[in-house]
Amino acid sequence: MKRSFLVLGLFWGALVLQPAVSQGQTLSPVGTWEVTILGSDPGTSMMTFSTNLTVSGYGITRKRFGLFTLTGNWGFDSHGDVVVACVQSFNGTNTATSFAARLRRSGRFSAKGTGTSGHFRFKGETVTDFPDLGGLWTATVKRRGKTLRETYTISASTNFPAVFDVTGQGLSDTGSYTLTGEIITTSHNKLNASIDRTFSGPDNVRSSLSGEAKPRKPAMSLRGDDDTGAALVIKAIQ
């Protein structure tokens, strides 16, 4: 944790912040953005920029088994780009990140940054509607050459818009098990998910997946792997 705040201090010490709207700068990031994370750890995040120059957010990526949150500050640099320094929190661990974003009049931005895990990039757009995944679902899951049968109860998170909480149960050739998790969605029906399965005894398997929703059917398809290295393919219908 000390390292995270040291990095943030060095970042802000080297940065000369401009006023929230400086001369020649008419674009403001204030509001909530849907962010597509690109690179070696792709995923989805929601970020909210506030008028008091703070930023907050949350998301799910393919290399993390669970939802991360972020808090930090933003401002303008001398070029009129939006700069952010923030701390990401995941499973009790804090990591420092910083990035610069170029705003577009189309309501989009592109960004590049660095963190303790290396360089990353992403693109954002203003939030519109996203699919409602709430309800009862049935699914088939392919894992290690076997088929698992699962049922999900999915409900909108009360704390994180665009995130849905998942609870359910499954049946394998060795017996029944329970599962919990989260799914984050985008206005383009893209999904990132983290689902934990608790098999007999203390055997808890965490998985990270990505895919898409098809609201008209409705249906979902997800692919990913779990923390044992097993590949997963999920097909779900409502």
Protein backbone atom coordinates (compact mmCIF):
# COMPACT_ATOMS: atom_id res chain seq x y z
CA MET A 1 0.00 0.00 0.00
CA LYS A 2 2.81 2.44 0.80
CA ARG A 3 4.26 1.90 -2.66
CA SER A 4 0.92 2.77 -4.28
CA PHE A 5 0.65 6.13 -2.54
CA LEU A 6 4.32 6.91 -3.19
CA VAL A 7 3.80 6.41 -6.92
CA LEU A 8 0.72 8.63 -6.85
CA GLY A 9 2.60 11.33 -4.97
CA LEU A 10 5.42 11.34 -7.51
CA PHE A 11 2.93 11.48 -10.36
CA TRP A 12 1.03 14.46 -9.01
CA GLY A 13 4.24 16.20 -7.97
CA ALA A 14 5.44 16.12 -11.57
CA LEU A 15 2.14 17.24 -13.04
CA VAL A 16 1.02 20.85 -13.40
CA LEU A 17 -2.78 20.72 -13.27
CA GLN A 18 -4.84 23.11 -15.34
CA PRO A 19 -8.26 24.45 -14.33
CA ALA A 20 -11.19 22.12 -14.98
CA VAL A 21 -11.98 24.11 -18.14
CA SER A 22 -8.95 26.01 -19.39
CA GLN A 23 -8.62 28.46 -22.26
CA GLY A 24 -9.10 26.60 -25.53
CA GLN A 25 -10.34 23.51 -23.70
CA THR A 26 -14.08 23.02 -24.16
CA LEU A 27 -14.38 19.27 -23.61
CA SER A 28 -14.93 17.96 -20.11
CA PRO A 29 -14.86 14.32 -18.95
CA VAL A 30 -17.44 14.93 -16.20
CA GLY A 31 -19.96 12.09 -16.25
CA THR A 32 -19.92 8.31 -16.47
CA TRP A 33 -18.02 6.48 -19.20
CA GLU A 34 -18.13 2.93 -20.49
CA VAL A 35 -14.53 1.81 -20.90
CA THR A 36 -13.16 -1.04 -23.02
CA ILE A 37 -9.78 -2.15 -21.67
CA LEU A 38 -7.39 -3.37 -24.37
CA GLY A 39 -4.06 -5.18 -24.36
CA SER A 40 -2.83 -8.21 -22.47
CA ASP A 41 -5.57 -8.06 -19.80
CA PRO A 42 -8.73 -7.00 -21.67
CA GLY A 43 -11.98 -6.24 -19.94
CA THR A 44 -14.69 -3.71 -19.18
CA SER A 45 -14.84 -0.85 -16.70
CA MET A 46 -17.20 1.97 -15.75
CA MET A 47 -15.58 5.30 -14.77
CA THR A 48 -17.23 8.38 -13.31
CA PHE A 49 -15.49 11.77 -13.45
CA SER A 50 -16.86 14.31 -10.96
CA THR A 51 -16.75 18.12 -10.93
CA ASN A 52 -14.58 18.07 -7.78
CA LEU A 53 -11.75 16.49 -9.86
CA THR A 54 -12.20 13.00 -8.41
CA VAL A 55 -12.69 9.81 -10.40
CA SER A 56 -14.14 6.47 -9.33
CA GLY A 57 -14.94 3.23 -11.07
CA TYR A 58 -15.03 -0.54 -11.20
CA GLY A 59 -14.64 -3.37 -13.67
CA ILE A 60 -13.69 -6.94 -14.55
CA THR A 61 -10.75 -8.09 -16.67
CA ARG A 62 -9.78 -11.49 -18.01
CA LYS A 63 -6.76 -12.01 -15.78
CA ARG A 64 -8.50 -11.13 -12.53
CA PHE A 65 -10.98 -13.39 -10.81
CA GLY A 66 -13.37 -10.78 -9.47
CA LEU A 67 -14.48 -7.15 -9.53
CA PHE A 68 -11.92 -4.37 -9.00
CA THR A 69 -12.65 -0.80 -7.89
CA LEU A 70 -10.70 2.41 -8.45
CA THR A 71 -10.54 5.86 -6.87
CA GLY A 72 -8.36 8.83 -7.74
CA ASN A 73 -8.12 12.35 -9.12
CA TRP A 74 -8.17 13.94 -12.56
CA GLY A 75 -7.18 17.20 -14.22
CA PHE A 76 -5.93 18.68 -17.49
CA ASP A 77 -2.29 18.77 -18.56
CA SER A 78 -0.68 21.58 -20.54
CA HIS A 79 -1.82 19.95 -23.81
CA GLY A 80 -5.47 19.87 -22.79
CA ASP A 81 -5.54 16.10 -22.31
CA VAL A 82 -7.26 14.60 -19.30
CA VAL A 83 -4.79 13.04 -16.86
CA VAL A 84 -5.71 10.64 -14.10
CA ALA A 85 -3.87 9.16 -11.13
CA CYS A 86 -5.76 6.46 -9.25
CA VAL A 87 -5.50 3.40 -7.06
CA GLN A 88 -7.08 0.12 -8.11
CA SER A 89 -8.25 -2.14 -5.28
CA PHE A 90 -8.64 -5.87 -5.83
CA ASN A 91 -8.86 -8.60 -3.21
CA GLY A 92 -7.39 -6.29 -0.55
CA THR A 93 -4.42 -5.24 -2.68
CA ASN A 94 -3.95 -1.66 -3.93
CA THR A 95 -2.00 -0.82 -7.09
CA ALA A 96 -1.22 2.64 -8.49
CA THR A 97 -2.00 3.53 -12.10
CA SER A 98 -1.98 6.71 -14.17
CA PHE A 99 -3.15 7.52 -17.67
CA ALA A 100 -3.77 10.34 -20.13
CA ALA A 101 -6.93 10.50 -22.25
CA ARG A 102 -7.68 12.46 -25.42
CA LEU A 103 -11.35 13.49 -25.52
CA ARG A 104 -13.29 13.53 -28.80
CA ARG A 105 -16.29 15.64 -29.67
CA SER A 106 -18.06 12.43 -30.64
CA GLY A 107 -18.37 11.55 -26.95
CA ARG A 108 -15.44 9.14 -26.93
CA PHE A 109 -11.87 9.08 -25.67
CA SER A 110 -8.71 7.04 -26.17
CA ALA A 111 -6.19 6.58 -23.38
CA LYS A 112 -2.78 5.14 -22.58
CA GLY A 113 -1.30 4.57 -19.17
CA THR A 114 1.05 2.71 -16.89
CA GLY A 115 0.69 0.80 -13.67
CA THR A 116 2.65 -1.57 -11.50
CA SER A 117 1.83 -4.36 -13.98
CA GLY A 118 3.04 -2.42 -17.03
CA HIS A 119 1.53 -0.42 -19.88
CA PHE A 120 -2.12 -0.52 -20.87
CA ARG A 121 -4.55 1.27 -23.16
CA PHE A 122 -8.29 1.61 -23.43
CA LYS A 123 -11.10 3.50 -25.10
CA GLY A 124 -14.18 5.07 -23.60
CA GLU A 125 -17.56 6.33 -24.65
CA THR A 126 -20.43 8.00 -22.84
CA VAL A 127 -22.85 5.56 -21.25
CA THR A 128 -26.09 4.68 -23.01
CA ASP A 129 -28.44 1.75 -22.40
CA PHE A 130 -27.11 -1.69 -21.55
CA PRO A 131 -28.94 -5.05 -21.66
CA ASP A 132 -30.93 -6.24 -18.66
CA LEU A 133 -29.64 -9.69 -17.72
CA GLY A 134 -31.94 -10.09 -14.73
CA GLY A 135 -33.94 -13.30 -14.34
CA LEU A 136 -33.56 -17.07 -14.31
CA TRP A 137 -31.12 -18.74 -16.72
CA THR A 138 -30.15 -22.31 -17.60
CA ALA A 139 -26.73 -23.11 -19.02
CA THR A 140 -24.48 -25.86 -20.32
CA VAL A 141 -20.80 -25.57 -19.43
CA LYS A 142 -18.02 -27.44 -21.22
CA ARG A 143 -15.02 -28.07 -18.93
CA ARG A 144 -12.24 -30.64 -19.37
CA GLY A 145 -14.28 -32.59 -21.92
CA LYS A 146 -17.30 -32.84 -19.61
CA THR A 147 -20.67 -31.08 -19.64
CA LEU A 148 -21.91 -29.31 -16.52
CA ARG A 149 -25.53 -28.21 -16.11
CA GLU A 150 -26.09 -24.92 -14.30
CA THR A 151 -28.95 -22.62 -13.34
CA TYR A 152 -28.45 -18.93 -12.52
CA THR A 153 -30.43 -16.28 -10.71
CA ILE A 154 -29.14 -12.96 -12.01
CA SER A 155 -30.07 -9.59 -10.53
CA ALA A 156 -28.85 -6.02 -11.04
CA SER A 157 -26.24 -4.93 -8.52
CA THR A 158 -27.45 -2.28 -6.07
CA ASN A 159 -23.96 -0.74 -5.86
CA PHE A 160 -22.52 -0.95 -9.38
CA PRO A 161 -24.62 0.05 -12.43
CA ALA A 162 -24.08 -2.29 -15.43
CA VAL A 163 -23.00 -5.07 -13.03
CA PHE A 164 -25.22 -8.07 -12.34
CA ASP A 165 -24.88 -10.43 -9.38
CA VAL A 166 -24.99 -14.15 -10.12
CA THR A 167 -26.00 -16.97 -7.75
CA GLY A 168 -26.87 -20.49 -8.71
CA GLN A 169 -26.16 -24.17 -8.63
CA GLY A 170 -24.75 -26.79 -10.91
CA LEU A 171 -24.62 -30.53 -11.46
CA SER A 172 -21.59 -32.53 -12.56
CA ASP A 173 -20.88 -36.25 -12.74
CA THR A 174 -19.52 -36.06 -9.18
CA GLY A 175 -22.50 -34.25 -7.66
CA SER A 176 -24.02 -30.83 -7.15
CA TYR A 177 -22.23 -27.55 -6.40
CA THR A 178 -23.01 -23.88 -5.84
CA LEU A 179 -21.75 -20.79 -7.64
CA THR A 180 -21.60 -17.01 -7.18
CA GLY A 181 -20.18 -14.20 -9.29
CA GLU A 182 -20.58 -10.96 -11.19
CA ILE A 183 -21.14 -10.01 -14.82
CA ILE A 184 -20.45 -6.54 -16.22
CA THR A 185 -22.05 -5.58 -19.53
CA THR A 186 -21.74 -2.81 -22.11
CA SER A 187 -24.17 -0.98 -24.38
CA HIS A 188 -22.79 -3.14 -27.21
CA ASN A 189 -23.86 -6.33 -25.35
CA LYS A 190 -20.28 -7.34 -24.55
CA LEU A 191 -19.76 -9.22 -21.29
CA ASN A 192 -17.00 -9.85 -18.78
CA ALA A 193 -17.67 -12.20 -15.91
CA SER A 194 -16.12 -13.70 -12.82
CA ILE A 195 -17.77 -16.82 -11.40
CA ASP A 196 -16.69 -18.93 -8.42
CA ARG A 197 -17.81 -22.56 -8.17
CA THR A 198 -17.74 -24.42 -4.85
CA PHE A 199 -17.60 -28.16 -5.39
CA SER A 200 -17.73 -30.81 -2.65
CA GLY A 201 -15.60 -30.05 0.37
CA PRO A 202 -13.44 -26.91 0.35
CA ASP A 203 -12.79 -27.06 -3.41
CA ASN A 204 -13.42 -23.51 -4.66
CA VAL A 205 -12.63 -22.82 -8.33
CA ARG A 206 -12.53 -19.24 -9.64
CA SER A 207 -13.11 -18.42 -13.30
CA SER A 208 -12.83 -15.37 -15.56
CA LEU A 209 -14.73 -15.13 -18.84
CA SER A 210 -15.76 -12.83 -21.67
CA GLY A 211 -18.45 -13.03 -24.31
CA GLU A 212 -21.66 -11.45 -25.47
CA ALA A 213 -25.37 -11.22 -24.72
CA LYS A 214 -28.15 -11.63 -27.26
CA PRO A 215 -31.08 -9.77 -25.67
CA ARG A 216 -33.62 -10.66 -28.37
CA LYS A 217 -33.42 -14.42 -27.70
CA PRO A 218 -32.38 -13.88 -24.83
CA ALA A 219 -29.09 -15.78 -24.60
CA MET A 220 -25.48 -15.45 -23.44
CA SER A 221 -22.26 -17.06 -24.59
CA LEU A 222 -19.04 -16.89 -22.56
CA ARG A 223 -15.53 -18.31 -22.90
CA GLY A 224 -12.66 -18.25 -20.46
CA ASP A 225 -10.73 -20.35 -18.00
CA ASP A 226 -10.52 -21.03 -14.29
CA ASP A 227 -7.65 -20.85 -11.85
CA THR A 228 -6.81 -24.52 -12.42
CA GLY A 229 -6.10 -23.78 -16.10
CA ALA A 230 -9.25 -25.49 -17.38
CA ALA A 231 -10.96 -23.89 -20.39
CA LEU A 232 -14.68 -23.08 -20.07
CA VAL A 233 -17.39 -22.57 -22.69
CA ILE A 234 -20.80 -21.46 -21.42
CA LYS A 235 -24.04 -21.28 -23.39
CA ALA A 236 -26.97 -19.87 -21.43
CA ILE A 237 -30.61 -19.16 -22.25
CA GLN A 238 -33.40 -17.53 -20.31
